[in-house]
Amino acid sequence: MKVSVIGATGYTGAELVRILSRHPEVELVSITSQTFAGKKISEIYPFLSTDLVCEELDVDKIASSSSFVFTALPHKTSMEIVGELYLRGKRVVDLSADFRLKDPALYEKWYGVSHSKRKLLHEAVYGLPELYREKIREARLVANPGCYPTSIILALAPLLKSHLIKEESIIVDAKSGVTGAGRKLTLATHFPEINENFYPYKVEGHRHLPEMEQELSRLAGTQVKVTFVPHLAPLNRGILSTCYASLKRYTEVEKILRIYRDFYKDEPFVEILEKGKVPRISDVATSNRCRIGLAVDERTDRIIVISAIDNLGKGASGQAVQNMNIMCGFKEDEGLK
């Protein structure tokens, strides 16, 4: 299958090129970059052993040469290009936030720009396979989830679906590697600022928050509000999310673990750890896996759920390829083993 990547020289774009270059069902025919047009991507990322040259964006050319397209672009920029590709009948996985939120007013509130492709919001399927696999299978446009929401929704989904926790009690403390902030240099991601350092950011409200609440509310069947505090860690890649919630009634940890294992029993990329085990970021590095561990605090009747993912893997490009596999009828783990 002929595939293109729009925005190939950001961290998520480069990760897509890495995965797709070794995918047995894919021929990567075109990659674009606004900054590095005319250069081989191997000049920018020497670990990518390919002769592909970054091109200027030409939607007509991509539409004529590809049957499947990944868009790894900033919000607002993406919606226009996705709209053009959709009109041309292309199947698209969009890695921006432009099609994740179903309420355009909510998007405009959190992202500060108007949404010009509102009709497509109803066509887009939220690309979390563990919840929406059958819809993804039939979709032409998949909105790839954010990295933090992926780790947190997977951690909490079985609890909310089983109505085991008080929906108003959820608190999430999450830590991310620096690649989550993108490749463009800022003071916050400058080496002397982050090295040997660790700090929270956007404590007043992160843009991924409405995405989490949208999906967690669907699972619970009622409105869910989350207290979410992200932290930047001196790591290249990875997310560790620690989620706290009050149980509606005391439930033994063994029973909750059985609920989790049953919920994810057919999921190739989610692993539920044994009692007493907790995940680490290093366990999932460069993979599309999510590892989940949990414990019950009997003193406070609270449950603690910890999930680990690679923010460029299951949190972005790996999950995007997983979605492509489902949409195209390939083995779901093809190229991701």
C-alpha atoms as a PDB file:
ATOM      1  CA  MET A   1       0.000   0.000   0.000  1.00  0.00           C
ATOM      2  CA  LYS A   2       1.355   3.409  -0.969  1.00  0.00           C
ATOM      3  CA  VAL A   3       1.605   5.705   2.055  1.00  0.00           C
ATOM      4  CA  SER A   4       2.657   9.316   2.667  1.00  0.00           C
ATOM      5  CA  VAL A   5       3.646  11.152   5.836  1.00  0.00           C
ATOM      6  CA  ILE A   6       2.948  14.882   5.991  1.00  0.00           C
ATOM      7  CA  GLY A   7       5.197  16.513   8.571  1.00  0.00           C
ATOM      8  CA  ALA A   8       7.906  13.855   8.630  1.00  0.00           C
ATOM      9  CA  THR A   9      10.693  15.679  10.451  1.00  0.00           C
ATOM     10  CA  GLY A  10       9.057  16.303  13.807  1.00  0.00           C
ATOM     11  CA  TYR A  11       9.558  13.639  16.444  1.00  0.00           C
ATOM     12  CA  THR A  12       6.258  11.888  15.735  1.00  0.00           C
ATOM     13  CA  GLY A  13       6.794  12.151  11.976  1.00  0.00           C
ATOM     14  CA  ALA A  14      10.278  10.653  12.195  1.00  0.00           C
ATOM     15  CA  GLU A  15       8.931   7.840  14.367  1.00  0.00           C
ATOM     16  CA  LEU A  16       6.277   7.161  11.728  1.00  0.00           C
ATOM     17  CA  VAL A  17       8.965   6.967   9.043  1.00  0.00           C
ATOM     18  CA  ARG A  18      10.975   4.567  11.220  1.00  0.00           C
ATOM     19  CA  ILE A  19       8.012   2.214  11.738  1.00  0.00           C
ATOM     20  CA  LEU A  20       6.586   2.429   8.212  1.00  0.00           C
ATOM     21  CA  SER A  21       9.979   1.865   6.562  1.00  0.00           C
ATOM     22  CA  ARG A  22      10.022  -1.672   7.949  1.00  0.00           C
ATOM     23  CA  HIS A  23       6.282  -2.385   7.596  1.00  0.00           C
ATOM     24  CA  PRO A  24       5.880  -5.343   5.181  1.00  0.00           C
ATOM     25  CA  GLU A  25       2.545  -4.107   3.789  1.00  0.00           C
ATOM     26  CA  VAL A  26       3.635  -0.513   3.147  1.00  0.00           C
ATOM     27  CA  GLU A  27       5.553   1.394   0.500  1.00  0.00           C
ATOM     28  CA  LEU A  28       6.442   4.824   1.828  1.00  0.00           C
ATOM     29  CA  VAL A  29       6.245   6.977  -1.302  1.00  0.00           C
ATOM     30  CA  SER A  30       6.278  10.557  -0.039  1.00  0.00           C
ATOM     31  CA  ILE A  31       7.336  12.512   3.046  1.00  0.00           C
ATOM     32  CA  THR A  32       7.000  16.257   3.502  1.00  0.00           C
ATOM     33  CA  SER A  33       8.756  18.886   5.583  1.00  0.00           C
ATOM     34  CA  GLN A  34       8.364  22.634   5.555  1.00  0.00           C
ATOM     35  CA  THR A  35      11.777  23.211   7.140  1.00  0.00           C
ATOM     36  CA  PHE A  36      13.894  20.549   5.430  1.00  0.00           C
ATOM     37  CA  ALA A  37      12.438  20.303   1.919  1.00  0.00           C
ATOM     38  CA  GLY A  38      15.022  18.994  -0.533  1.00  0.00           C
ATOM     39  CA  LYS A  39      17.031  17.105   2.074  1.00  0.00           C
ATOM     40  CA  LYS A  40      17.136  13.366   2.649  1.00  0.00           C
ATOM     41  CA  ILE A  41      15.513  12.526   5.940  1.00  0.00           C
ATOM     42  CA  SER A  42      18.611  10.462   6.755  1.00  0.00           C
ATOM     43  CA  GLU A  43      20.553  13.748   6.814  1.00  0.00           C
ATOM     44  CA  ILE A  44      18.270  14.980   9.589  1.00  0.00           C
ATOM     45  CA  TYR A  45      17.877  11.648  11.396  1.00  0.00           C
ATOM     46  CA  PRO A  46      20.867   9.429  10.492  1.00  0.00           C
ATOM     47  CA  PHE A  47      19.261   6.420  12.203  1.00  0.00           C
ATOM     48  CA  LEU A  48      16.664   6.376   9.389  1.00  0.00           C
ATOM     49  CA  SER A  49      18.375   4.334   6.684  1.00  0.00           C
ATOM     50  CA  THR A  50      16.254   5.445   3.749  1.00  0.00           C
ATOM     51  CA  ASP A  51      16.892   7.521   0.637  1.00  0.00           C
ATOM     52  CA  LEU A  52      13.542   9.316   0.913  1.00  0.00           C
ATOM     53  CA  VAL A  53      13.804  13.046   0.295  1.00  0.00           C
ATOM     54  CA  CYS A  54      11.627  15.539   2.139  1.00  0.00           C
ATOM     55  CA  GLU A  55       9.341  17.424  -0.232  1.00  0.00           C
ATOM     56  CA  GLU A  56       7.289  20.591  -0.126  1.00  0.00           C
ATOM     57  CA  LEU A  57       3.673  19.867   0.659  1.00  0.00           C
ATOM     58  CA  ASP A  58       1.637  19.263  -2.501  1.00  0.00           C
ATOM     59  CA  VAL A  59      -1.771  17.845  -1.606  1.00  0.00           C
ATOM     60  CA  ASP A  60      -2.627  17.025  -5.235  1.00  0.00           C
ATOM     61  CA  LYS A  61       0.592  15.039  -5.668  1.00  0.00           C
ATOM     62  CA  ILE A  62       0.127  13.158  -2.405  1.00  0.00           C
ATOM     63  CA  ALA A  63      -3.496  12.376  -3.219  1.00  0.00           C
ATOM     64  CA  SER A  64      -2.562  10.990  -6.628  1.00  0.00           C
ATOM     65  CA  SER A  65       0.373   8.884  -5.394  1.00  0.00           C
ATOM     66  CA  SER A  66      -0.951   7.572  -2.051  1.00  0.00           C
ATOM     67  CA  SER A  67      -3.956   5.662  -0.847  1.00  0.00           C
ATOM     68  CA  PHE A  68      -3.227   6.308   2.823  1.00  0.00           C
ATOM     69  CA  VAL A  69      -1.851   9.442   4.519  1.00  0.00           C
ATOM     70  CA  PHE A  70      -0.587  10.304   7.997  1.00  0.00           C
ATOM     71  CA  THR A  71      -0.706  13.971   8.988  1.00  0.00           C
ATOM     72  CA  ALA A  72       1.772  14.841  11.743  1.00  0.00           C
ATOM     73  CA  LEU A  73       1.212  18.582  11.848  1.00  0.00           C
ATOM     74  CA  PRO A  74       0.371  21.226  14.473  1.00  0.00           C
ATOM     75  CA  HIS A  75      -3.258  21.922  15.331  1.00  0.00           C
ATOM     76  CA  LYS A  76      -5.133  24.268  12.969  1.00  0.00           C
ATOM     77  CA  THR A  77      -2.625  23.568  10.167  1.00  0.00           C
ATOM     78  CA  SER A  78      -3.789  19.973  10.054  1.00  0.00           C
ATOM     79  CA  MET A  79      -7.527  20.518   9.702  1.00  0.00           C
ATOM     80  CA  GLU A  80      -7.281  22.239   6.321  1.00  0.00           C
ATOM     81  CA  ILE A  81      -5.020  19.586   4.797  1.00  0.00           C
ATOM     82  CA  VAL A  82      -7.039  16.722   6.254  1.00  0.00           C
ATOM     83  CA  GLY A  83     -10.173  18.307   4.814  1.00  0.00           C
ATOM     84  CA  GLU A  84      -8.639  18.398   1.318  1.00  0.00           C
ATOM     85  CA  LEU A  85      -7.441  14.789   1.543  1.00  0.00           C
ATOM     86  CA  TYR A  86     -10.821  13.608   2.804  1.00  0.00           C
ATOM     87  CA  LEU A  87     -12.573  15.275  -0.142  1.00  0.00           C
ATOM     88  CA  ARG A  88     -10.220  13.364  -2.458  1.00  0.00           C
ATOM     89  CA  GLY A  89     -11.283  10.060  -0.896  1.00  0.00           C
ATOM     90  CA  LYS A  90      -8.070   9.348   0.980  1.00  0.00           C
ATOM     91  CA  ARG A  91      -7.925   7.436   4.241  1.00  0.00           C
ATOM     92  CA  VAL A  92      -6.188   9.534   6.894  1.00  0.00           C
ATOM     93  CA  VAL A  93      -4.832   9.165  10.412  1.00  0.00           C
ATOM     94  CA  ASP A  94      -4.379  12.642  11.868  1.00  0.00           C
ATOM     95  CA  LEU A  95      -1.968  12.995  14.783  1.00  0.00           C
ATOM     96  CA  SER A  96      -2.982  16.556  15.677  1.00  0.00           C
ATOM     97  CA  ALA A  97      -5.747  17.528  18.092  1.00  0.00           C
ATOM     98  CA  ASP A  98      -7.979  18.926  15.350  1.00  0.00           C
ATOM     99  CA  PHE A  99     -10.482  16.061  15.155  1.00  0.00           C
ATOM    100  CA  ARG A 100     -10.368  14.557  18.657  1.00  0.00           C
ATOM    101  CA  LEU A 101     -12.988  16.757  20.316  1.00  0.00           C
ATOM    102  CA  LYS A 102     -16.572  16.336  19.141  1.00  0.00           C
ATOM    103  CA  ASP A 103     -17.675  19.737  20.450  1.00  0.00           C
ATOM    104  CA  PRO A 104     -16.177  22.488  18.258  1.00  0.00           C
ATOM    105  CA  ALA A 105     -16.824  25.109  20.954  1.00  0.00           C
ATOM    106  CA  LEU A 106     -14.684  23.061  23.342  1.00  0.00           C
ATOM    107  CA  TYR A 107     -11.927  22.871  20.747  1.00  0.00           C
ATOM    108  CA  GLU A 108     -12.056  26.619  20.196  1.00  0.00           C
ATOM    109  CA  LYS A 109     -11.943  27.283  23.951  1.00  0.00           C
ATOM    110  CA  TRP A 110      -8.860  25.158  24.581  1.00  0.00           C
ATOM    111  CA  TYR A 111      -6.944  25.745  21.346  1.00  0.00           C
ATOM    112  CA  GLY A 112      -7.843  29.378  20.767  1.00  0.00           C
ATOM    113  CA  VAL A 113      -8.750  29.031  17.078  1.00  0.00           C
ATOM    114  CA  SER A 114     -12.001  28.489  15.216  1.00  0.00           C
ATOM    115  CA  HIS A 115     -12.645  25.078  13.679  1.00  0.00           C
ATOM    116  CA  SER A 116     -13.124  25.330   9.919  1.00  0.00           C
ATOM    117  CA  LYS A 117     -14.031  21.648   9.331  1.00  0.00           C
ATOM    118  CA  ARG A 118     -16.837  21.119  11.802  1.00  0.00           C
ATOM    119  CA  LYS A 119     -18.689  18.611   9.621  1.00  0.00           C
ATOM    120  CA  LEU A 120     -15.665  16.311   9.669  1.00  0.00           C
ATOM    121  CA  LEU A 121     -15.758  16.156  13.474  1.00  0.00           C
ATOM    122  CA  HIS A 122     -18.743  13.815  13.131  1.00  0.00           C
ATOM    123  CA  GLU A 123     -16.948  11.664  10.552  1.00  0.00           C
ATOM    124  CA  ALA A 124     -13.753  11.283  12.562  1.00  0.00           C
ATOM    125  CA  VAL A 125     -13.360   8.266  14.840  1.00  0.00           C
ATOM    126  CA  TYR A 126     -11.354   8.603  18.032  1.00  0.00           C
ATOM    127  CA  GLY A 127      -8.406   6.302  17.453  1.00  0.00           C
ATOM    128  CA  LEU A 128      -8.120   4.313  20.664  1.00  0.00           C
ATOM    129  CA  PRO A 129      -8.423   0.718  19.382  1.00  0.00           C
ATOM    130  CA  GLU A 130      -9.142  -0.746  22.816  1.00  0.00           C
ATOM    131  CA  LEU A 131     -12.426   1.213  22.860  1.00  0.00           C
ATOM    132  CA  TYR A 132     -13.335   1.852  19.211  1.00  0.00           C
ATOM    133  CA  ARG A 133     -11.804  -0.934  17.130  1.00  0.00           C
ATOM    134  CA  GLU A 134     -14.920  -1.695  15.090  1.00  0.00           C
ATOM    135  CA  LYS A 135     -15.553   1.969  14.285  1.00  0.00           C
ATOM    136  CA  ILE A 136     -11.896   2.424  13.337  1.00  0.00           C
ATOM    137  CA  ARG A 137     -12.192  -0.541  10.978  1.00  0.00           C
ATOM    138  CA  GLU A 138     -14.833   1.297   8.932  1.00  0.00           C
ATOM    139  CA  ALA A 139     -13.404   4.813   9.244  1.00  0.00           C
ATOM    140  CA  ARG A 140     -11.846   7.021   6.576  1.00  0.00           C
ATOM    141  CA  LEU A 141     -10.598   9.557   9.130  1.00  0.00           C
ATOM    142  CA  VAL A 142      -9.136   8.602  12.490  1.00  0.00           C
ATOM    143  CA  ALA A 143      -8.187  11.178  15.106  1.00  0.00           C
ATOM    144  CA  ASN A 144      -5.145   9.690  16.804  1.00  0.00           C
ATOM    145  CA  PRO A 145      -5.358  10.265  20.586  1.00  0.00           C
ATOM    146  CA  GLY A 146      -3.005  12.453  22.558  1.00  0.00           C
ATOM    147  CA  CYS A 147      -0.211  10.845  24.546  1.00  0.00           C
ATOM    148  CA  TYR A 148      -1.431  11.774  28.023  1.00  0.00           C
ATOM    149  CA  PRO A 149      -5.059  10.794  27.259  1.00  0.00           C
ATOM    150  CA  THR A 150      -3.940   7.404  25.917  1.00  0.00           C
ATOM    151  CA  SER A 151      -2.104   6.546  29.116  1.00  0.00           C
ATOM    152  CA  ILE A 152      -4.875   7.835  31.376  1.00  0.00           C
ATOM    153  CA  ILE A 153      -7.923   6.498  29.526  1.00  0.00           C
ATOM    154  CA  LEU A 154      -6.395   3.018  29.338  1.00  0.00           C
ATOM    155  CA  ALA A 155      -5.589   3.195  33.056  1.00  0.00           C
ATOM    156  CA  LEU A 156      -9.116   4.202  34.113  1.00  0.00           C
ATOM    157  CA  ALA A 157     -11.427   2.649  31.502  1.00  0.00           C
ATOM    158  CA  PRO A 158     -12.168  -0.644  33.331  1.00  0.00           C
ATOM    159  CA  LEU A 159     -12.958   1.196  36.590  1.00  0.00           C
ATOM    160  CA  LEU A 160     -15.403   3.627  34.979  1.00  0.00           C
ATOM    161  CA  LYS A 161     -17.028   0.988  32.771  1.00  0.00           C
ATOM    162  CA  SER A 162     -17.601  -1.185  35.866  1.00  0.00           C
ATOM    163  CA  HIS A 163     -18.783   1.793  37.957  1.00  0.00           C
ATOM    164  CA  LEU A 164     -16.267   0.999  40.690  1.00  0.00           C
ATOM    165  CA  ILE A 165     -15.065   4.536  41.437  1.00  0.00           C
ATOM    166  CA  LYS A 166     -16.575   7.891  42.341  1.00  0.00           C
ATOM    167  CA  GLU A 167     -16.437   9.819  39.106  1.00  0.00           C
ATOM    168  CA  GLU A 168     -15.749  13.160  40.827  1.00  0.00           C
ATOM    169  CA  SER A 169     -12.730  11.836  42.739  1.00  0.00           C
ATOM    170  CA  ILE A 170     -10.211  11.268  39.933  1.00  0.00           C
ATOM    171  CA  ILE A 171      -6.772  12.858  40.288  1.00  0.00           C
ATOM    172  CA  VAL A 172      -3.977  12.207  37.797  1.00  0.00           C
ATOM    173  CA  ASP A 173      -0.284  12.936  38.264  1.00  0.00           C
ATOM    174  CA  ALA A 174       1.561  12.317  34.987  1.00  0.00           C
ATOM    175  CA  LYS A 175       5.182  12.668  33.862  1.00  0.00           C
ATOM    176  CA  SER A 176       6.376  12.982  30.275  1.00  0.00           C
ATOM    177  CA  GLY A 177       9.661  12.945  28.420  1.00  0.00           C
ATOM    178  CA  VAL A 178      10.755  16.066  26.546  1.00  0.00           C
ATOM    179  CA  THR A 179       9.874  14.802  23.043  1.00  0.00           C
ATOM    180  CA  GLY A 180       6.235  15.297  24.040  1.00  0.00           C
ATOM    181  CA  ALA A 181       6.830  19.041  23.706  1.00  0.00           C
ATOM    182  CA  GLY A 182       7.874  18.704  20.052  1.00  0.00           C
ATOM    183  CA  ARG A 183      11.151  19.369  18.262  1.00  0.00           C
ATOM    184  CA  LYS A 184      11.037  23.155  18.241  1.00  0.00           C
ATOM    185  CA  LEU A 185      13.372  24.543  20.894  1.00  0.00           C
ATOM    186  CA  THR A 186      11.865  26.487  23.794  1.00  0.00           C
ATOM    187  CA  LEU A 187      13.355  27.732  27.032  1.00  0.00           C
ATOM    188  CA  ALA A 188      11.487  25.021  28.971  1.00  0.00           C
ATOM    189  CA  THR A 189      13.073  22.251  26.869  1.00  0.00           C
ATOM    190  CA  HIS A 190      16.539  23.820  26.670  1.00  0.00           C
ATOM    191  CA  PHE A 191      19.089  21.311  28.033  1.00  0.00           C
ATOM    192  CA  PRO A 192      20.266  23.380  31.046  1.00  0.00           C
ATOM    193  CA  GLU A 193      16.628  23.973  32.045  1.00  0.00           C
ATOM    194  CA  ILE A 194      15.459  20.351  32.003  1.00  0.00           C
ATOM    195  CA  ASN A 195      18.635  18.403  32.765  1.00  0.00           C
ATOM    196  CA  GLU A 196      18.735  17.344  36.437  1.00  0.00           C
ATOM    197  CA  ASN A 197      15.363  19.029  36.850  1.00  0.00           C
ATOM    198  CA  PHE A 198      11.718  18.003  37.238  1.00  0.00           C
ATOM    199  CA  TYR A 199       8.672  20.231  37.425  1.00  0.00           C
ATOM    200  CA  PRO A 200       4.908  20.538  36.824  1.00  0.00           C
ATOM    201  CA  TYR A 201       3.511  22.701  34.052  1.00  0.00           C
ATOM    202  CA  LYS A 202       0.115  23.928  32.872  1.00  0.00           C
ATOM    203  CA  VAL A 203      -1.252  23.225  36.339  1.00  0.00           C
ATOM    204  CA  GLU A 204      -4.220  25.490  35.598  1.00  0.00           C
ATOM    205  CA  GLY A 205      -5.308  23.266  32.709  1.00  0.00           C
ATOM    206  CA  HIS A 206      -3.628  21.254  29.957  1.00  0.00           C
ATOM    207  CA  ARG A 207      -5.098  21.043  26.441  1.00  0.00           C
ATOM    208  CA  HIS A 208      -5.398  17.270  26.713  1.00  0.00           C
ATOM    209  CA  LEU A 209      -7.824  17.604  29.638  1.00  0.00           C
ATOM    210  CA  PRO A 210     -11.072  17.976  27.620  1.00  0.00           C
ATOM    211  CA  GLU A 211     -10.062  15.005  25.483  1.00  0.00           C
ATOM    212  CA  MET A 212      -9.641  12.835  28.584  1.00  0.00           C
ATOM    213  CA  GLU A 213     -12.916  14.015  30.078  1.00  0.00           C
ATOM    214  CA  GLN A 214     -14.800  13.443  26.808  1.00  0.00           C
ATOM    215  CA  GLU A 215     -13.745   9.789  26.630  1.00  0.00           C
ATOM    216  CA  LEU A 216     -13.912   9.059  30.365  1.00  0.00           C
ATOM    217  CA  SER A 217     -17.452  10.512  30.452  1.00  0.00           C
ATOM    218  CA  ARG A 218     -18.498   8.206  27.605  1.00  0.00           C
ATOM    219  CA  LEU A 219     -17.197   5.227  29.548  1.00  0.00           C
ATOM    220  CA  ALA A 220     -18.890   6.259  32.786  1.00  0.00           C
ATOM    221  CA  GLY A 221     -22.178   7.276  31.191  1.00  0.00           C
ATOM    222  CA  THR A 222     -22.055  10.521  33.168  1.00  0.00           C
ATOM    223  CA  GLN A 223     -20.012  13.703  33.244  1.00  0.00           C
ATOM    224  CA  VAL A 224     -16.480  13.113  34.540  1.00  0.00           C
ATOM    225  CA  LYS A 225     -14.184  15.920  35.695  1.00  0.00           C
ATOM    226  CA  VAL A 226     -10.499  15.198  36.269  1.00  0.00           C
ATOM    227  CA  THR A 227      -7.798  16.979  38.239  1.00  0.00           C
ATOM    228  CA  PHE A 228      -4.764  16.576  36.001  1.00  0.00           C
ATOM    229  CA  VAL A 229      -1.231  17.804  36.659  1.00  0.00           C
ATOM    230  CA  PRO A 230       1.457  17.026  34.045  1.00  0.00           C
ATOM    231  CA  HIS A 231       5.172  17.128  34.804  1.00  0.00           C
ATOM    232  CA  LEU A 232       8.197  17.411  32.546  1.00  0.00           C
ATOM    233  CA  ALA A 233      10.909  14.868  33.294  1.00  0.00           C
ATOM    234  CA  PRO A 234      14.529  14.827  32.064  1.00  0.00           C
ATOM    235  CA  LEU A 235      13.830  11.944  29.676  1.00  0.00           C
ATOM    236  CA  ASN A 236      13.763  11.776  25.896  1.00  0.00           C
ATOM    237  CA  ARG A 237      10.577   9.719  25.670  1.00  0.00           C
ATOM    238  CA  GLY A 238       8.002   7.987  27.844  1.00  0.00           C
ATOM    239  CA  ILE A 239       4.957   8.751  30.008  1.00  0.00           C
ATOM    240  CA  LEU A 240       4.141   7.482  33.471  1.00  0.00           C
ATOM    241  CA  SER A 241       0.652   8.326  34.742  1.00  0.00           C
ATOM    242  CA  THR A 242      -0.395   7.735  38.334  1.00  0.00           C
ATOM    243  CA  CYS A 243      -4.177   7.887  38.720  1.00  0.00           C
ATOM    244  CA  TYR A 244      -5.999   8.114  42.064  1.00  0.00           C
ATOM    245  CA  ALA A 245      -9.719   7.615  42.683  1.00  0.00           C
ATOM    246  CA  SER A 246     -12.049   6.783  45.558  1.00  0.00           C
ATOM    247  CA  LEU A 247     -13.810   3.435  45.411  1.00  0.00           C
ATOM    248  CA  LYS A 248     -17.607   3.422  45.685  1.00  0.00           C
ATOM    249  CA  ARG A 249     -17.239   0.383  47.902  1.00  0.00           C
ATOM    250  CA  TYR A 250     -14.230  -1.534  49.120  1.00  0.00           C
ATOM    251  CA  THR A 251     -13.135  -4.078  46.524  1.00  0.00           C
ATOM    252  CA  GLU A 252     -10.222  -6.458  46.873  1.00  0.00           C
ATOM    253  CA  VAL A 253      -7.319  -5.789  44.548  1.00  0.00           C
ATOM    254  CA  GLU A 254      -7.468  -9.362  43.194  1.00  0.00           C
ATOM    255  CA  LYS A 255     -11.042  -8.807  42.007  1.00  0.00           C
ATOM    256  CA  ILE A 256     -10.117  -5.508  40.352  1.00  0.00           C
ATOM    257  CA  LEU A 257      -7.172  -7.135  38.606  1.00  0.00           C
ATOM    258  CA  ARG A 258      -9.547  -9.784  37.222  1.00  0.00           C
ATOM    259  CA  ILE A 259     -11.786  -7.001  35.890  1.00  0.00           C
ATOM    260  CA  TYR A 260      -8.782  -5.387  34.169  1.00  0.00           C
ATOM    261  CA  ARG A 261      -7.577  -8.667  32.682  1.00  0.00           C
ATOM    262  CA  ASP A 262     -11.047  -9.435  31.366  1.00  0.00           C
ATOM    263  CA  PHE A 263     -11.424  -5.914  29.923  1.00  0.00           C
ATOM    264  CA  TYR A 264      -8.102  -6.158  28.065  1.00  0.00           C
ATOM    265  CA  LYS A 265      -7.986  -9.921  27.462  1.00  0.00           C
ATOM    266  CA  ASP A 266      -7.872  -9.621  23.652  1.00  0.00           C
ATOM    267  CA  GLU A 267      -5.694  -6.511  23.475  1.00  0.00           C
ATOM    268  CA  PRO A 268      -2.259  -7.175  21.957  1.00  0.00           C
ATOM    269  CA  PHE A 269      -0.619  -4.044  23.361  1.00  0.00           C
ATOM    270  CA  VAL A 270      -2.008  -3.756  26.900  1.00  0.00           C
ATOM    271  CA  GLU A 271      -0.427  -5.742  29.721  1.00  0.00           C
ATOM    272  CA  ILE A 272      -1.902  -5.930  33.220  1.00  0.00           C
ATOM    273  CA  LEU A 273       0.770  -6.604  35.825  1.00  0.00           C
ATOM    274  CA  GLU A 274       0.467  -8.955  38.772  1.00  0.00           C
ATOM    275  CA  LYS A 275      -0.421  -7.730  42.265  1.00  0.00           C
ATOM    276  CA  GLY A 276       2.470  -5.804  43.766  1.00  0.00           C
ATOM    277  CA  LYS A 277       4.081  -5.013  40.396  1.00  0.00           C
ATOM    278  CA  VAL A 278       4.275  -1.525  38.915  1.00  0.00           C
ATOM    279  CA  PRO A 279       5.285  -0.423  35.400  1.00  0.00           C
ATOM    280  CA  ARG A 280       8.365   1.597  34.503  1.00  0.00           C
ATOM    281  CA  ILE A 281       8.979   3.852  31.531  1.00  0.00           C
ATOM    282  CA  SER A 282      11.990   1.764  30.506  1.00  0.00           C
ATOM    283  CA  ASP A 283       9.678  -1.271  30.172  1.00  0.00           C
ATOM    284  CA  VAL A 284       7.874   0.270  27.205  1.00  0.00           C
ATOM    285  CA  ALA A 285      10.565   2.385  25.512  1.00  0.00           C
ATOM    286  CA  THR A 286      10.343   2.446  21.670  1.00  0.00           C
ATOM    287  CA  SER A 287       7.315   0.122  21.780  1.00  0.00           C
ATOM    288  CA  ASN A 288       3.554   0.363  21.222  1.00  0.00           C
ATOM    289  CA  ARG A 289       2.836  -1.229  24.592  1.00  0.00           C
ATOM    290  CA  CYS A 290       0.945   0.023  27.638  1.00  0.00           C
ATOM    291  CA  ARG A 291       1.731  -1.626  30.970  1.00  0.00           C
ATOM    292  CA  ILE A 292      -0.655  -1.120  33.878  1.00  0.00           C
ATOM    293  CA  GLY A 293      -0.242  -1.878  37.578  1.00  0.00           C
ATOM    294  CA  LEU A 294      -2.596  -1.080  40.431  1.00  0.00           C
ATOM    295  CA  ALA A 295      -3.028  -1.150  44.197  1.00  0.00           C
ATOM    296  CA  VAL A 296      -5.807  -0.470  46.718  1.00  0.00           C
ATOM    297  CA  ASP A 297      -5.147   1.745  49.734  1.00  0.00           C
ATOM    298  CA  GLU A 298      -7.341   0.140  52.385  1.00  0.00           C
ATOM    299  CA  ARG A 299      -6.907   3.060  54.804  1.00  0.00           C
ATOM    300  CA  THR A 300      -8.503   5.569  52.438  1.00  0.00           C
ATOM    301  CA  ASP A 301     -10.580   3.303  50.158  1.00  0.00           C
ATOM    302  CA  ARG A 302      -8.678   4.700  47.188  1.00  0.00           C
ATOM    303  CA  ILE A 303      -7.363   2.861  44.187  1.00  0.00           C
ATOM    304  CA  ILE A 304      -4.057   3.791  42.593  1.00  0.00           C
ATOM    305  CA  VAL A 305      -3.557   2.856  38.930  1.00  0.00           C
ATOM    306  CA  ILE A 306      -0.202   3.402  37.210  1.00  0.00           C
ATOM    307  CA  SER A 307       0.298   3.179  33.461  1.00  0.00           C
ATOM    308  CA  ALA A 308       3.441   3.470  31.346  1.00  0.00           C
ATOM    309  CA  ILE A 309       3.639   4.136  27.614  1.00  0.00           C
ATOM    310  CA  ASP A 310       6.145   5.529  25.153  1.00  0.00           C
ATOM    311  CA  ASN A 311       4.761   8.937  24.185  1.00  0.00           C
ATOM    312  CA  LEU A 312       6.073   8.514  20.620  1.00  0.00           C
ATOM    313  CA  GLY A 313       4.902   4.875  20.453  1.00  0.00           C
ATOM    314  CA  LYS A 314       1.492   4.050  21.919  1.00  0.00           C
ATOM    315  CA  GLY A 315       1.125   7.763  22.641  1.00  0.00           C
ATOM    316  CA  ALA A 316       1.488   8.815  18.999  1.00  0.00           C
ATOM    317  CA  SER A 317       3.117   7.118  15.993  1.00  0.00           C
ATOM    318  CA  GLY A 318       2.888   3.495  17.104  1.00  0.00           C
ATOM    319  CA  GLN A 319      -0.803   3.868  17.809  1.00  0.00           C
ATOM    320  CA  ALA A 320      -1.255   5.655  14.464  1.00  0.00           C
ATOM    321  CA  VAL A 321       0.206   2.634  12.663  1.00  0.00           C
ATOM    322  CA  GLN A 322      -1.947   0.328  14.790  1.00  0.00           C
ATOM    323  CA  ASN A 323      -4.969   2.312  13.574  1.00  0.00           C
ATOM    324  CA  MET A 324      -3.789   2.050   9.961  1.00  0.00           C
ATOM    325  CA  ASN A 325      -3.460  -1.720  10.342  1.00  0.00           C
ATOM    326  CA  ILE A 326      -7.039  -1.963  11.589  1.00  0.00           C
ATOM    327  CA  MET A 327      -8.413   0.337   8.865  1.00  0.00           C
ATOM    328  CA  CYS A 328      -6.645  -1.614   6.120  1.00  0.00           C
ATOM    329  CA  GLY A 329      -7.286  -5.140   7.366  1.00  0.00           C
ATOM    330  CA  PHE A 330      -3.643  -5.899   8.157  1.00  0.00           C
ATOM    331  CA  LYS A 331      -2.574  -7.815  11.241  1.00  0.00           C
ATOM    332  CA  GLU A 332      -2.953  -5.349  14.077  1.00  0.00           C
ATOM    333  CA  ASP A 333       0.609  -5.767  15.307  1.00  0.00           C
ATOM    334  CA  GLU A 334       2.181  -5.658  11.813  1.00  0.00           C
ATOM    335  CA  GLY A 335       5.277  -3.468  11.887  1.00  0.00           C
ATOM    336  CA  LEU A 336       4.897  -3.023  15.655  1.00  0.00           C
ATOM    337  CA  LYS A 337       6.258  -6.281  17.045  1.00  0.00           C
END
